[in-house]
C-alpha atoms as a PDB file:
ATOM      1  CA  MET A   1     104.563  68.755 -53.944  1.00  0.00           C
ATOM      2  CA  SER A   2     105.761  65.421 -55.300  1.00  0.00           C
ATOM      3  CA  THR A   3     104.827  64.318 -58.807  1.00  0.00           C
ATOM      4  CA  PHE A   4     105.589  60.647 -58.114  1.00  0.00           C
ATOM      5  CA  PRO A   5     102.577  58.324 -58.064  1.00  0.00           C
ATOM      6  CA  LEU A   6     101.632  56.831 -54.718  1.00  0.00           C
ATOM      7  CA  GLU A   7     101.337  53.323 -56.142  1.00  0.00           C
ATOM      8  CA  PRO A   8     104.450  51.741 -57.665  1.00  0.00           C
ATOM      9  CA  GLN A   9     104.141  51.171 -61.406  1.00  0.00           C
ATOM     10  CA  PHE A  10     107.068  48.777 -61.718  1.00  0.00           C
ATOM     11  CA  LEU A  11     107.919  45.565 -59.889  1.00  0.00           C
ATOM     12  CA  THR A  12     111.176  43.728 -59.396  1.00  0.00           C
ATOM     13  CA  VAL A  13     111.325  40.135 -60.596  1.00  0.00           C
ATOM     14  CA  GLU A  14     110.861  38.981 -57.002  1.00  0.00           C
ATOM     15  CA  GLN A  15     107.848  41.266 -56.506  1.00  0.00           C
ATOM     16  CA  ALA A  16     106.339  40.104 -59.814  1.00  0.00           C
ATOM     17  CA  ALA A  17     106.684  36.485 -58.665  1.00  0.00           C
ATOM     18  CA  ALA A  18     104.917  37.284 -55.394  1.00  0.00           C
ATOM     19  CA  TYR A  19     102.254  39.300 -57.241  1.00  0.00           C
ATOM     20  CA  THR A  20     101.430  36.385 -59.547  1.00  0.00           C
ATOM     21  CA  GLY A  21     101.962  33.621 -57.007  1.00  0.00           C
ATOM     22  CA  THR A  22     104.668  32.025 -59.141  1.00  0.00           C
ATOM     23  CA  SER A  23     108.395  31.488 -58.758  1.00  0.00           C
ATOM     24  CA  VAL A  24     111.164  33.918 -59.598  1.00  0.00           C
ATOM     25  CA  ARG A  25     112.366  31.331 -62.107  1.00  0.00           C
ATOM     26  CA  MET A  26     109.000  31.422 -63.923  1.00  0.00           C
ATOM     27  CA  ILE A  27     109.082  35.227 -64.172  1.00  0.00           C
ATOM     28  CA  ARG A  28     112.666  35.150 -65.457  1.00  0.00           C
ATOM     29  CA  ARG A  29     111.625  32.552 -68.042  1.00  0.00           C
ATOM     30  CA  LEU A  30     108.773  34.797 -69.254  1.00  0.00           C
ATOM     31  CA  VAL A  31     111.194  37.711 -69.491  1.00  0.00           C
ATOM     32  CA  ASP A  32     113.847  35.646 -71.333  1.00  0.00           C
ATOM     33  CA  GLN A  33     111.201  34.409 -73.800  1.00  0.00           C
ATOM     34  CA  ARG A  34     110.074  38.033 -74.274  1.00  0.00           C
ATOM     35  CA  ARG A  35     106.527  37.133 -73.303  1.00  0.00           C
ATOM     36  CA  VAL A  36     106.466  39.970 -70.762  1.00  0.00           C
ATOM     37  CA  PRO A  37     108.106  43.298 -71.654  1.00  0.00           C
ATOM     38  CA  VAL A  38     110.576  44.749 -69.183  1.00  0.00           C
ATOM     39  CA  ALA A  39     112.423  47.971 -68.524  1.00  0.00           C
ATOM     40  CA  LYS A  40     116.140  47.643 -67.888  1.00  0.00           C
ATOM     41  CA  ILE A  41     117.866  50.247 -65.776  1.00  0.00           C
ATOM     42  CA  GLY A  42     121.506  49.301 -66.015  1.00  0.00           C
ATOM     43  CA  SER A  43     121.505  45.690 -64.890  1.00  0.00           C
ATOM     44  CA  LEU A  44     118.195  46.022 -63.018  1.00  0.00           C
ATOM     45  CA  VAL A  45     115.064  44.505 -64.545  1.00  0.00           C
ATOM     46  CA  ARG A  46     111.688  46.079 -63.801  1.00  0.00           C
ATOM     47  CA  ILE A  47     108.289  44.851 -64.951  1.00  0.00           C
ATOM     48  CA  ARG A  48     105.407  47.262 -65.425  1.00  0.00           C
ATOM     49  CA  ILE A  49     102.359  46.089 -63.461  1.00  0.00           C
ATOM     50  CA  SER A  50     100.049  46.821 -66.396  1.00  0.00           C
ATOM     51  CA  ASP A  51     102.192  44.642 -68.718  1.00  0.00           C
ATOM     52  CA  LEU A  52     102.104  41.795 -66.210  1.00  0.00           C
ATOM     53  CA  GLU A  53      98.333  42.094 -65.828  1.00  0.00           C
ATOM     54  CA  ALA A  54      97.906  42.177 -69.620  1.00  0.00           C
ATOM     55  CA  TYR A  55      99.927  38.959 -69.910  1.00  0.00           C
ATOM     56  CA  LEU A  56      97.820  37.307 -67.218  1.00  0.00           C
ATOM     57  CA  GLU A  57      94.582  38.437 -68.869  1.00  0.00           C
ATOM     58  CA  ALA A  58      95.676  37.169 -72.292  1.00  0.00           C
ATOM     59  CA  ASN A  59      96.658  33.797 -70.818  1.00  0.00           C
ATOM     60  CA  THR A  60      93.671  33.179 -68.574  1.00  0.00           C
ATOM     61  CA  ARG A  61      91.253  30.505 -69.670  1.00  0.00           C
ATOM     62  CA  PRO A  62      87.634  30.443 -68.473  1.00  0.00           C
ATOM     63  CA  ALA A  63      86.558  27.636 -66.163  1.00  0.00           C
ATOM     64  CA  ARG A  64      84.775  24.741 -67.783  1.00  0.00           C
END
């Protein structure tokens, strides 16, 4: 029996861009500015979905 979750918990930069509907450049900028925490595995950058959602929630303004 596998102990791995069925849903991925981490996204690549490209997947995070698709998830948020933004560009890869925007995600890299957020990472470089340390506005979104990342996990680095060697040279690979992975973004936890919950961290990305927390950033989006904190930066969402209500409609007027």
